[in-house]
Amino acid sequence: IDFQIGGTYTKPVILHPEVAIGAFGKIQGVPRFDPSGKLIRAEVLCVSWAGDHRVIDGATMARFSNAWKHLIENPALLLVTL
């Protein structure tokens, strides 16, 4: 069964006993400018995080989001050196 309905963004909702949750949209090719000003196709993924502020503060969620973004943009960092 295909549950996709064409949405590109979603808002996660915390349900007890969760303390944090992430929602991921659809990866899309969109026009962007590179550092030299040239128009390029960029792959963009919308991500939204929600946290129970009784347990976790917004700054911690922001640091996690930035670390997650860094790893997604640099997947080689996930490899283990043997």
Protein backbone atom coordinates (compact mmCIF):
# COMPACT_ATOMS: atom_id res chain seq x y z
CA ILE A 1 0.00 0.00 0.00
CA ASP A 2 1.36 3.42 -0.94
CA PHE A 3 0.66 5.89 1.89
CA GLN A 4 2.32 8.90 0.24
CA ILE A 5 -0.05 11.72 -0.67
CA GLY A 6 2.43 14.16 -2.19
CA GLY A 7 3.28 16.16 0.94
CA THR A 8 6.73 17.68 1.35
CA TYR A 9 6.63 18.70 5.02
CA THR A 10 5.15 17.34 8.21
CA LYS A 11 4.97 18.39 11.87
CA PRO A 12 5.80 15.71 14.43
CA VAL A 13 3.55 15.36 17.47
CA ILE A 14 4.84 14.05 20.80
CA LEU A 15 2.76 11.28 22.35
CA HIS A 16 3.31 9.90 25.85
CA PRO A 17 5.84 8.38 26.71
CA GLU A 18 7.97 9.88 23.88
CA VAL A 19 10.36 12.73 24.71
CA ALA A 20 11.54 13.56 21.18
CA ILE A 21 10.52 12.74 17.63
CA GLY A 22 11.59 13.68 14.12
CA ALA A 23 9.59 14.00 10.92
CA PHE A 24 11.13 13.75 7.47
CA GLY A 25 9.67 15.08 4.25
CA LYS A 26 10.33 14.01 0.68
CA ILE A 27 13.74 14.63 -0.90
CA GLN A 28 13.21 17.10 -3.73
CA GLY A 29 15.39 18.55 -6.46
CA VAL A 30 15.13 22.34 -6.24
CA PRO A 31 16.96 25.24 -7.91
CA ARG A 32 19.68 26.85 -5.77
CA PHE A 33 22.71 29.04 -6.35
CA ASP A 34 26.21 27.68 -5.71
CA PRO A 35 28.91 29.89 -4.07
CA SER A 36 29.92 31.29 -7.48
CA GLY A 37 26.34 32.34 -8.27
CA LYS A 38 25.66 29.58 -10.81
CA LEU A 39 22.17 28.07 -10.78
CA ILE A 40 22.31 24.37 -9.85
CA ARG A 41 19.95 21.56 -8.87
CA ALA A 42 20.12 20.79 -5.15
CA GLU A 43 18.56 17.88 -3.30
CA VAL A 44 16.65 19.21 -0.27
CA LEU A 45 15.07 17.26 2.59
CA CYS A 46 12.73 19.04 5.02
CA VAL A 47 13.21 17.83 8.60
CA SER A 48 11.30 18.87 11.71
CA TRP A 49 12.02 17.92 15.33
CA ALA A 50 9.80 18.12 18.40
CA GLY A 51 10.77 17.60 22.02
CA ASP A 52 9.06 17.49 25.40
CA HIS A 53 10.49 20.58 27.09
CA ARG A 54 9.88 19.06 30.51
CA VAL A 55 12.67 16.60 29.65
CA ILE A 56 14.83 18.21 26.95
CA ASP A 57 15.50 21.87 26.19
CA GLY A 58 15.41 23.54 22.77
CA ALA A 59 19.17 24.23 22.69
CA THR A 60 19.89 20.51 23.07
CA MET A 61 17.47 19.73 20.23
CA ALA A 62 19.15 22.39 18.06
CA ARG A 63 22.62 20.93 18.74
CA PHE A 64 21.34 17.45 17.89
CA SER A 65 19.73 18.75 14.70
CA ASN A 66 22.96 20.45 13.62
CA ALA A 67 25.01 17.30 14.35
CA TRP A 68 22.50 15.15 12.44
CA LYS A 69 22.59 17.56 9.46
CA HIS A 70 26.40 17.47 9.45
CA LEU A 71 26.42 13.65 9.35
CA ILE A 72 23.76 13.46 6.62
CA GLU A 73 25.70 15.95 4.49
CA ASN A 74 28.99 14.08 5.14
CA PRO A 75 28.11 10.36 5.20
CA ALA A 76 31.77 9.31 5.08
CA LEU A 77 31.96 10.40 8.73
CA LEU A 78 29.66 7.46 9.56
CA LEU A 79 32.20 4.92 8.30
CA VAL A 80 34.33 3.10 10.84
CA THR A 81 38.07 2.98 10.18
CA LEU A 82 39.35 -0.57 10.63
